[in-house]
N, C-alpha and C. Protein backbone atom coordinates (compact mmCIF):
# COMPACT_ATOMS: atom_id res chain seq x y z
N UNK A 1 32.67 11.30 100.48
CA UNK A 1 32.07 10.30 99.61
C UNK A 1 30.55 10.37 99.69
N UNK A 2 30.01 10.72 100.80
CA UNK A 2 28.56 10.81 100.98
C UNK A 2 27.98 11.91 100.11
N UNK A 3 28.76 12.97 99.85
CA UNK A 3 28.29 14.08 99.05
C UNK A 3 28.10 13.67 97.60
N UNK A 4 28.96 12.81 97.04
CA UNK A 4 28.84 12.42 95.63
C UNK A 4 27.74 11.39 95.41
N UNK A 5 27.45 10.57 96.42
CA UNK A 5 26.41 9.57 96.26
C UNK A 5 25.02 10.20 96.35
N UNK A 6 24.87 11.19 97.21
CA UNK A 6 23.57 11.80 97.44
C UNK A 6 22.95 12.40 96.16
N UNK A 7 23.68 13.20 95.34
CA UNK A 7 23.05 13.73 94.12
C UNK A 7 22.68 12.63 93.13
N UNK A 8 23.52 11.60 93.00
CA UNK A 8 23.18 10.50 92.10
C UNK A 8 21.96 9.77 92.58
N UNK A 9 21.89 9.57 93.91
CA UNK A 9 20.74 8.89 94.48
C UNK A 9 19.47 9.72 94.29
N UNK A 10 19.61 11.03 94.46
CA UNK A 10 18.45 11.93 94.29
C UNK A 10 17.96 11.89 92.85
N UNK A 11 18.89 11.85 91.89
CA UNK A 11 18.49 11.80 90.48
C UNK A 11 17.80 10.50 90.18
N UNK A 12 18.31 9.39 90.72
CA UNK A 12 17.67 8.09 90.51
C UNK A 12 16.29 8.05 91.14
N UNK A 13 16.15 8.67 92.29
CA UNK A 13 14.87 8.72 92.96
C UNK A 13 13.86 9.51 92.12
N UNK A 14 14.34 10.64 91.57
CA UNK A 14 13.47 11.48 90.75
C UNK A 14 13.03 10.71 89.49
N UNK A 15 13.97 10.03 88.84
CA UNK A 15 13.62 9.25 87.62
C UNK A 15 12.67 8.11 87.95
N UNK A 16 12.86 7.50 89.11
CA UNK A 16 11.97 6.41 89.49
C UNK A 16 10.55 6.94 89.74
N UNK A 17 10.47 8.10 90.39
CA UNK A 17 9.17 8.69 90.64
C UNK A 17 8.51 9.11 89.31
N UNK A 18 9.32 9.65 88.42
CA UNK A 18 8.79 10.06 87.11
C UNK A 18 8.29 8.87 86.31
N UNK A 19 8.98 7.77 86.43
CA UNK A 19 8.58 6.57 85.70
C UNK A 19 7.29 5.97 86.26
N UNK A 20 7.10 6.05 87.56
CA UNK A 20 5.87 5.51 88.17
C UNK A 20 4.68 6.43 87.96
N UNK A 21 4.91 7.73 87.83
CA UNK A 21 3.83 8.67 87.71
C UNK A 21 3.35 8.70 86.25
N UNK A 22 2.10 8.42 86.01
CA UNK A 22 1.55 8.37 84.65
C UNK A 22 0.77 9.64 84.29
N UNK A 23 0.69 10.60 85.16
CA UNK A 23 0.00 11.84 84.88
C UNK A 23 0.75 12.63 83.82
N UNK A 24 0.03 13.11 82.81
CA UNK A 24 0.66 13.93 81.77
C UNK A 24 1.34 13.14 80.67
N UNK A 25 1.16 11.83 80.65
CA UNK A 25 1.80 11.03 79.59
C UNK A 25 1.28 11.40 78.18
N UNK A 26 0.04 11.78 78.10
CA UNK A 26 -0.50 12.16 76.79
C UNK A 26 0.23 13.37 76.22
N UNK A 27 0.54 14.30 77.04
CA UNK A 27 1.26 15.50 76.60
C UNK A 27 2.63 15.13 76.03
N UNK A 28 3.32 14.23 76.69
CA UNK A 28 4.65 13.80 76.23
C UNK A 28 4.53 13.05 74.90
N UNK A 29 3.54 12.18 74.78
CA UNK A 29 3.35 11.43 73.53
C UNK A 29 3.02 12.39 72.39
N UNK A 30 2.14 13.35 72.62
CA UNK A 30 1.80 14.31 71.58
C UNK A 30 2.99 15.17 71.22
N UNK A 31 3.77 15.56 72.20
CA UNK A 31 4.97 16.38 71.93
C UNK A 31 5.95 15.63 71.02
N UNK A 32 6.14 14.34 71.24
CA UNK A 32 7.04 13.56 70.39
C UNK A 32 6.42 13.26 69.02
N UNK A 33 5.09 13.17 68.94
CA UNK A 33 4.44 12.79 67.70
C UNK A 33 4.09 13.98 66.81
N UNK A 34 4.21 15.19 67.29
CA UNK A 34 3.78 16.34 66.52
C UNK A 34 4.62 16.54 65.26
N UNK A 35 5.90 16.34 65.30
CA UNK A 35 6.76 16.53 64.13
C UNK A 35 6.47 15.50 63.03
N UNK A 36 6.37 14.21 63.34
CA UNK A 36 6.03 13.26 62.25
C UNK A 36 4.62 13.53 61.71
N UNK A 37 3.67 13.92 62.57
CA UNK A 37 2.34 14.25 62.08
C UNK A 37 2.36 15.45 61.15
N UNK A 38 3.12 16.47 61.54
CA UNK A 38 3.26 17.66 60.71
C UNK A 38 3.91 17.30 59.37
N UNK A 39 4.89 16.44 59.38
CA UNK A 39 5.56 16.03 58.15
C UNK A 39 4.59 15.28 57.25
N UNK A 40 3.76 14.41 57.80
CA UNK A 40 2.81 13.65 56.98
C UNK A 40 1.74 14.57 56.40
N UNK A 41 1.18 15.45 57.20
CA UNK A 41 0.14 16.37 56.72
C UNK A 41 0.75 17.35 55.70
N UNK A 42 1.91 17.83 55.99
CA UNK A 42 2.58 18.77 55.07
C UNK A 42 2.93 18.15 53.74
N UNK A 43 3.45 16.94 53.78
CA UNK A 43 3.78 16.28 52.52
C UNK A 43 2.53 15.93 51.73
N UNK A 44 1.45 15.59 52.42
CA UNK A 44 0.18 15.34 51.71
C UNK A 44 -0.34 16.59 51.04
N UNK A 45 -0.28 17.70 51.73
CA UNK A 45 -0.73 18.97 51.16
C UNK A 45 0.12 19.37 49.99
N UNK A 46 1.44 19.35 50.16
CA UNK A 46 2.33 19.77 49.10
C UNK A 46 2.29 18.82 47.90
N UNK A 47 2.19 17.52 48.16
CA UNK A 47 2.12 16.58 47.04
C UNK A 47 0.80 16.72 46.28
N UNK A 48 -0.28 16.99 46.97
CA UNK A 48 -1.54 17.18 46.26
C UNK A 48 -1.50 18.42 45.36
N UNK A 49 -0.87 19.48 45.85
CA UNK A 49 -0.70 20.67 45.00
C UNK A 49 0.18 20.35 43.79
N UNK A 50 1.23 19.57 44.00
CA UNK A 50 2.11 19.21 42.90
C UNK A 50 1.40 18.33 41.87
N UNK A 51 0.58 17.39 42.34
CA UNK A 51 -0.15 16.53 41.42
C UNK A 51 -1.17 17.31 40.60
N UNK A 52 -1.87 18.26 41.20
CA UNK A 52 -2.80 19.09 40.48
C UNK A 52 -2.07 19.95 39.45
N UNK A 53 -0.95 20.54 39.84
CA UNK A 53 -0.17 21.36 38.92
C UNK A 53 0.37 20.52 37.77
N UNK A 54 0.86 19.31 38.07
CA UNK A 54 1.38 18.44 37.02
C UNK A 54 0.28 18.01 36.06
N UNK A 55 -0.91 17.75 36.57
CA UNK A 55 -2.04 17.37 35.71
C UNK A 55 -2.40 18.52 34.78
N UNK A 56 -2.45 19.74 35.29
CA UNK A 56 -2.77 20.89 34.44
C UNK A 56 -1.65 21.13 33.44
N UNK A 57 -0.42 20.91 33.83
CA UNK A 57 0.73 21.05 32.96
C UNK A 57 0.64 20.02 31.83
N UNK A 58 0.25 18.79 32.15
CA UNK A 58 0.08 17.76 31.12
C UNK A 58 -1.05 18.11 30.15
N UNK A 59 -2.14 18.64 30.67
CA UNK A 59 -3.24 19.05 29.80
C UNK A 59 -2.80 20.16 28.83
N UNK A 60 -2.03 21.08 29.35
CA UNK A 60 -1.54 22.17 28.49
C UNK A 60 -0.61 21.63 27.42
N UNK A 61 0.22 20.68 27.83
CA UNK A 61 1.15 20.05 26.88
C UNK A 61 0.40 19.32 25.78
N UNK A 62 -0.61 18.56 26.16
CA UNK A 62 -1.43 17.85 25.20
C UNK A 62 -2.09 18.81 24.20
N UNK A 63 -2.65 19.88 24.73
CA UNK A 63 -3.30 20.85 23.86
C UNK A 63 -2.32 21.48 22.90
N UNK A 64 -1.17 21.84 23.40
CA UNK A 64 -0.16 22.45 22.52
C UNK A 64 0.38 21.50 21.46
N UNK A 65 0.58 20.26 21.83
CA UNK A 65 1.09 19.30 20.82
C UNK A 65 0.06 18.97 19.75
N UNK A 66 -1.23 18.88 20.15
CA UNK A 66 -2.28 18.63 19.17
C UNK A 66 -2.46 19.80 18.23
N UNK A 67 -2.41 21.01 18.77
CA UNK A 67 -2.54 22.19 17.91
C UNK A 67 -1.36 22.33 16.96
N UNK A 68 -0.18 22.04 17.45
CA UNK A 68 1.01 22.12 16.58
C UNK A 68 1.00 21.04 15.53
N UNK A 69 0.57 19.86 15.88
CA UNK A 69 0.53 18.77 14.91
C UNK A 69 -0.47 19.05 13.79
N UNK A 70 -1.54 19.75 14.11
CA UNK A 70 -2.53 20.12 13.12
C UNK A 70 -1.92 21.03 12.04
N UNK A 71 -1.00 21.90 12.45
CA UNK A 71 -0.36 22.83 11.50
C UNK A 71 0.87 22.25 10.82
N UNK A 72 1.45 21.21 11.39
CA UNK A 72 2.68 20.68 10.81
C UNK A 72 2.43 20.11 9.43
N UNK A 73 3.14 20.64 8.43
CA UNK A 73 2.92 20.20 7.04
C UNK A 73 4.13 19.46 6.48
N UNK A 74 5.29 19.67 7.04
CA UNK A 74 6.50 19.01 6.51
C UNK A 74 7.26 18.29 7.60
N UNK A 75 8.46 17.89 7.26
CA UNK A 75 9.27 17.15 8.23
C UNK A 75 10.03 17.99 9.24
N UNK A 76 9.98 19.31 9.11
CA UNK A 76 10.73 20.18 10.01
C UNK A 76 9.79 21.12 10.77
N UNK A 77 10.31 21.64 11.88
CA UNK A 77 9.56 22.54 12.73
C UNK A 77 9.65 23.94 12.16
N UNK A 78 8.52 24.56 11.92
CA UNK A 78 8.49 25.95 11.43
C UNK A 78 8.14 26.87 12.60
N UNK A 79 8.37 28.16 12.40
CA UNK A 79 8.07 29.10 13.46
C UNK A 79 6.57 29.18 13.73
N UNK A 80 5.75 29.00 12.70
CA UNK A 80 4.30 29.02 12.89
C UNK A 80 3.85 27.86 13.77
N UNK A 81 4.41 26.69 13.53
CA UNK A 81 4.04 25.49 14.33
C UNK A 81 4.47 25.70 15.77
N UNK A 82 5.71 26.19 15.96
CA UNK A 82 6.21 26.41 17.32
C UNK A 82 5.40 27.47 18.06
N UNK A 83 5.06 28.54 17.36
CA UNK A 83 4.24 29.59 17.98
C UNK A 83 2.87 29.06 18.36
N UNK A 84 2.27 28.27 17.49
CA UNK A 84 0.92 27.71 17.79
C UNK A 84 1.00 26.80 19.01
N UNK A 85 2.04 25.97 19.10
CA UNK A 85 2.21 25.08 20.24
C UNK A 85 2.36 25.86 21.53
N UNK A 86 3.19 26.87 21.52
CA UNK A 86 3.42 27.68 22.74
C UNK A 86 2.15 28.49 23.11
N UNK A 87 1.45 28.99 22.11
CA UNK A 87 0.23 29.75 22.40
C UNK A 87 -0.81 28.87 23.10
N UNK A 88 -1.02 27.67 22.58
CA UNK A 88 -1.98 26.78 23.22
C UNK A 88 -1.49 26.33 24.60
N UNK A 89 -0.20 26.07 24.68
CA UNK A 89 0.37 25.65 25.97
C UNK A 89 0.20 26.76 27.01
N UNK A 90 0.58 28.00 26.65
CA UNK A 90 0.54 29.08 27.59
C UNK A 90 -0.88 29.53 27.91
N UNK A 91 -1.82 29.32 27.00
CA UNK A 91 -3.22 29.61 27.30
C UNK A 91 -3.75 28.65 28.37
N UNK A 92 -3.37 27.39 28.31
CA UNK A 92 -3.86 26.39 29.26
C UNK A 92 -3.04 26.34 30.55
N UNK A 93 -1.81 26.80 30.52
CA UNK A 93 -0.98 26.85 31.73
C UNK A 93 -0.15 28.12 31.66
N UNK A 94 -0.71 29.25 32.09
CA UNK A 94 0.01 30.51 32.04
C UNK A 94 1.28 30.47 32.89
N UNK A 95 2.24 31.27 32.51
CA UNK A 95 3.47 31.35 33.25
C UNK A 95 3.20 31.76 34.72
N UNK A 96 3.73 31.03 35.66
CA UNK A 96 3.53 31.32 37.08
C UNK A 96 2.28 30.68 37.65
N UNK A 97 1.53 29.92 36.89
CA UNK A 97 0.35 29.28 37.44
C UNK A 97 0.78 28.31 38.55
N UNK A 98 0.03 28.23 39.63
CA UNK A 98 0.32 27.42 40.80
C UNK A 98 1.67 27.82 41.43
N UNK A 99 2.08 29.06 41.22
CA UNK A 99 3.35 29.61 41.74
C UNK A 99 4.55 28.83 41.22
N UNK A 100 4.46 28.27 40.02
CA UNK A 100 5.62 27.53 39.48
C UNK A 100 6.70 28.52 39.05
N UNK A 101 7.93 27.98 38.98
CA UNK A 101 9.03 28.81 38.51
C UNK A 101 8.86 29.06 37.02
N UNK A 102 9.34 30.21 36.50
CA UNK A 102 9.19 30.49 35.08
C UNK A 102 9.90 29.42 34.22
N UNK A 103 9.29 29.09 33.10
CA UNK A 103 9.85 28.09 32.20
C UNK A 103 9.32 28.36 30.81
N UNK A 104 9.97 27.78 29.82
CA UNK A 104 9.53 27.84 28.44
C UNK A 104 9.43 26.43 27.90
N UNK A 105 8.27 26.05 27.34
CA UNK A 105 8.15 24.70 26.79
C UNK A 105 9.04 24.55 25.55
N UNK A 106 9.64 23.39 25.41
CA UNK A 106 10.51 23.12 24.28
C UNK A 106 9.74 22.28 23.27
N UNK A 107 9.61 22.80 22.04
CA UNK A 107 8.86 22.14 20.97
C UNK A 107 9.85 21.56 19.98
N UNK A 108 9.70 20.27 19.66
CA UNK A 108 10.59 19.61 18.69
C UNK A 108 9.77 18.73 17.77
N UNK A 109 10.42 18.37 16.65
CA UNK A 109 9.85 17.39 15.71
C UNK A 109 10.85 16.26 15.62
N UNK A 110 10.70 15.23 16.47
CA UNK A 110 11.68 14.14 16.49
C UNK A 110 11.59 13.19 15.32
N UNK A 111 10.42 13.10 14.67
CA UNK A 111 10.23 12.24 13.51
C UNK A 111 9.22 12.90 12.61
N UNK A 112 9.18 12.47 11.38
CA UNK A 112 8.22 13.02 10.44
C UNK A 112 6.79 12.76 10.94
N UNK A 113 6.01 13.82 11.02
CA UNK A 113 4.63 13.68 11.44
C UNK A 113 4.42 13.70 12.94
N UNK A 114 5.46 13.97 13.75
CA UNK A 114 5.35 13.97 15.19
C UNK A 114 5.81 15.29 15.78
N UNK A 115 5.04 15.82 16.70
CA UNK A 115 5.42 17.01 17.46
C UNK A 115 5.54 16.63 18.91
N UNK A 116 6.67 16.98 19.54
CA UNK A 116 6.89 16.68 20.95
C UNK A 116 7.13 17.97 21.71
N UNK A 117 6.51 18.06 22.88
CA UNK A 117 6.72 19.20 23.76
C UNK A 117 7.22 18.67 25.10
N UNK A 118 8.26 19.34 25.62
CA UNK A 118 8.82 19.02 26.92
C UNK A 118 8.85 20.29 27.77
N UNK A 119 8.43 20.15 29.02
CA UNK A 119 8.46 21.31 29.94
C UNK A 119 8.92 20.83 31.32
N UNK A 120 9.76 21.64 31.93
CA UNK A 120 10.29 21.32 33.27
C UNK A 120 10.18 22.59 34.10
N UNK A 121 9.64 22.45 35.30
CA UNK A 121 9.49 23.58 36.22
C UNK A 121 9.53 23.04 37.64
N UNK A 122 9.28 23.89 38.59
CA UNK A 122 9.24 23.47 40.01
C UNK A 122 8.14 24.24 40.69
N UNK A 123 7.54 23.60 41.71
CA UNK A 123 6.49 24.23 42.48
C UNK A 123 6.98 24.37 43.92
N UNK A 124 6.82 25.55 44.51
CA UNK A 124 7.29 25.71 45.90
C UNK A 124 6.40 24.96 46.87
N UNK A 125 7.00 24.50 47.94
CA UNK A 125 6.24 23.82 48.99
C UNK A 125 5.76 24.83 50.03
N UNK A 126 4.79 24.43 50.79
CA UNK A 126 4.30 25.31 51.84
C UNK A 126 4.75 24.83 53.22
N UNK A 127 4.36 23.64 53.59
CA UNK A 127 4.68 23.09 54.91
C UNK A 127 6.02 22.38 54.91
N UNK A 128 6.39 21.75 53.81
CA UNK A 128 7.61 20.94 53.79
C UNK A 128 8.88 21.79 53.80
N UNK A 129 8.75 23.12 53.68
CA UNK A 129 9.92 23.99 53.82
C UNK A 129 10.55 23.81 55.19
N UNK A 130 9.72 23.51 56.19
CA UNK A 130 10.23 23.29 57.55
C UNK A 130 11.23 22.17 57.59
N UNK A 131 11.03 21.16 56.73
CA UNK A 131 11.87 19.98 56.73
C UNK A 131 12.92 20.00 55.62
N UNK A 132 13.14 21.17 55.00
CA UNK A 132 14.21 21.33 54.04
C UNK A 132 13.85 21.07 52.59
N UNK A 133 12.58 20.84 52.29
CA UNK A 133 12.14 20.64 50.91
C UNK A 133 11.51 21.94 50.42
N UNK A 134 12.27 22.77 49.72
CA UNK A 134 11.75 24.05 49.29
C UNK A 134 10.89 24.00 48.03
N UNK A 135 11.24 23.11 47.11
CA UNK A 135 10.49 22.98 45.87
C UNK A 135 10.32 21.51 45.50
N UNK A 136 9.30 21.23 44.68
CA UNK A 136 9.09 19.92 44.12
C UNK A 136 9.19 20.06 42.61
N UNK A 137 10.00 19.22 41.94
CA UNK A 137 10.15 19.35 40.49
C UNK A 137 8.96 18.78 39.73
N UNK A 138 8.64 19.42 38.63
CA UNK A 138 7.57 18.94 37.73
C UNK A 138 8.17 18.86 36.33
N UNK A 139 7.97 17.74 35.68
CA UNK A 139 8.50 17.55 34.33
C UNK A 139 7.50 16.74 33.51
N UNK A 140 7.22 17.21 32.33
CA UNK A 140 6.25 16.48 31.47
C UNK A 140 6.78 16.42 30.04
N UNK A 141 6.34 15.42 29.32
CA UNK A 141 6.63 15.26 27.90
C UNK A 141 5.37 14.73 27.24
N UNK A 142 5.06 15.27 26.07
CA UNK A 142 3.93 14.76 25.32
C UNK A 142 4.24 14.83 23.85
N UNK A 143 3.56 14.01 23.07
CA UNK A 143 3.78 14.01 21.64
C UNK A 143 2.46 13.75 20.91
N UNK A 144 2.32 14.33 19.75
CA UNK A 144 1.18 14.08 18.89
C UNK A 144 1.70 13.63 17.54
N UNK A 145 1.13 12.54 17.06
CA UNK A 145 1.58 11.94 15.79
C UNK A 145 0.38 11.75 14.89
N UNK A 146 0.56 12.09 13.62
CA UNK A 146 -0.48 11.81 12.63
C UNK A 146 -0.09 10.54 11.92
N UNK A 147 -1.02 9.61 11.85
CA UNK A 147 -0.77 8.32 11.22
C UNK A 147 -1.97 7.92 10.44
N UNK A 148 -1.79 6.97 9.57
CA UNK A 148 -2.91 6.48 8.77
C UNK A 148 -3.65 5.40 9.54
N UNK A 149 -4.94 5.35 9.37
CA UNK A 149 -5.77 4.33 10.01
C UNK A 149 -6.27 3.39 8.94
N UNK A 150 -5.98 2.10 9.11
CA UNK A 150 -6.47 1.09 8.17
C UNK A 150 -7.78 0.55 8.72
N UNK A 151 -8.80 0.67 7.96
CA UNK A 151 -10.10 0.19 8.40
C UNK A 151 -10.27 -1.26 7.94
N UNK A 152 -10.61 -2.13 8.87
CA UNK A 152 -10.72 -3.56 8.54
C UNK A 152 -12.13 -4.09 8.71
N UNK A 153 -13.08 -3.27 9.06
CA UNK A 153 -14.44 -3.74 9.25
C UNK A 153 -15.33 -3.23 8.13
N UNK A 154 -16.45 -3.81 8.00
CA UNK A 154 -17.40 -3.41 6.97
C UNK A 154 -18.39 -2.42 7.54
N UNK A 155 -18.75 -1.48 6.73
CA UNK A 155 -19.85 -0.58 7.08
C UNK A 155 -20.89 -0.70 5.95
N UNK A 156 -21.97 -0.01 6.09
CA UNK A 156 -23.03 -0.11 5.09
C UNK A 156 -22.60 0.43 3.74
N UNK A 157 -21.62 1.32 3.70
CA UNK A 157 -21.19 1.87 2.42
C UNK A 157 -20.11 1.02 1.76
N UNK A 158 -19.40 0.17 2.50
CA UNK A 158 -18.33 -0.62 1.90
C UNK A 158 -18.66 -2.07 1.66
N UNK A 159 -19.61 -2.62 2.35
CA UNK A 159 -19.99 -4.03 2.22
C UNK A 159 -21.47 -4.12 1.89
N UNK A 160 -21.83 -3.95 0.66
CA UNK A 160 -23.24 -3.95 0.27
C UNK A 160 -23.84 -5.33 0.17
N UNK A 161 -23.01 -6.37 0.05
CA UNK A 161 -23.57 -7.69 -0.16
C UNK A 161 -24.03 -8.35 1.14
N UNK A 162 -23.89 -7.77 2.24
CA UNK A 162 -24.32 -8.36 3.52
C UNK A 162 -25.66 -7.95 3.92
């Protein structure tokens, strides 16, 4: 019976000594904190890359929809309008920019006088791959509409009596 108590007592003594000894505590704290710190820094880096890519993608979408709307003459999408939209889009956001997955913007005319472009892609992560996040999805939609503007104020050419 003395043989079984001695190892348990030795383990308790070791744990008690370890608990009282404060030397090297910083190393233990840093060792436990390194993974959450890496996750925070990595997600910040990857999310900032995704936000920049999404912003550029939105700018390309806006340019493409405005260029296509300028050419749109009827209620339906023509090949010239679609080509113009894709040319402007691809000029502002070339395929593979920011290491995004290949995609093709979808150009539609949902209503008379409106051009809509939708694009969906993904951007690979750098640090967050360690935590199982290989890509971040990016999706944008934009539309350009031509409408009439009703002017309700006077200018020097329309209100001469003032």
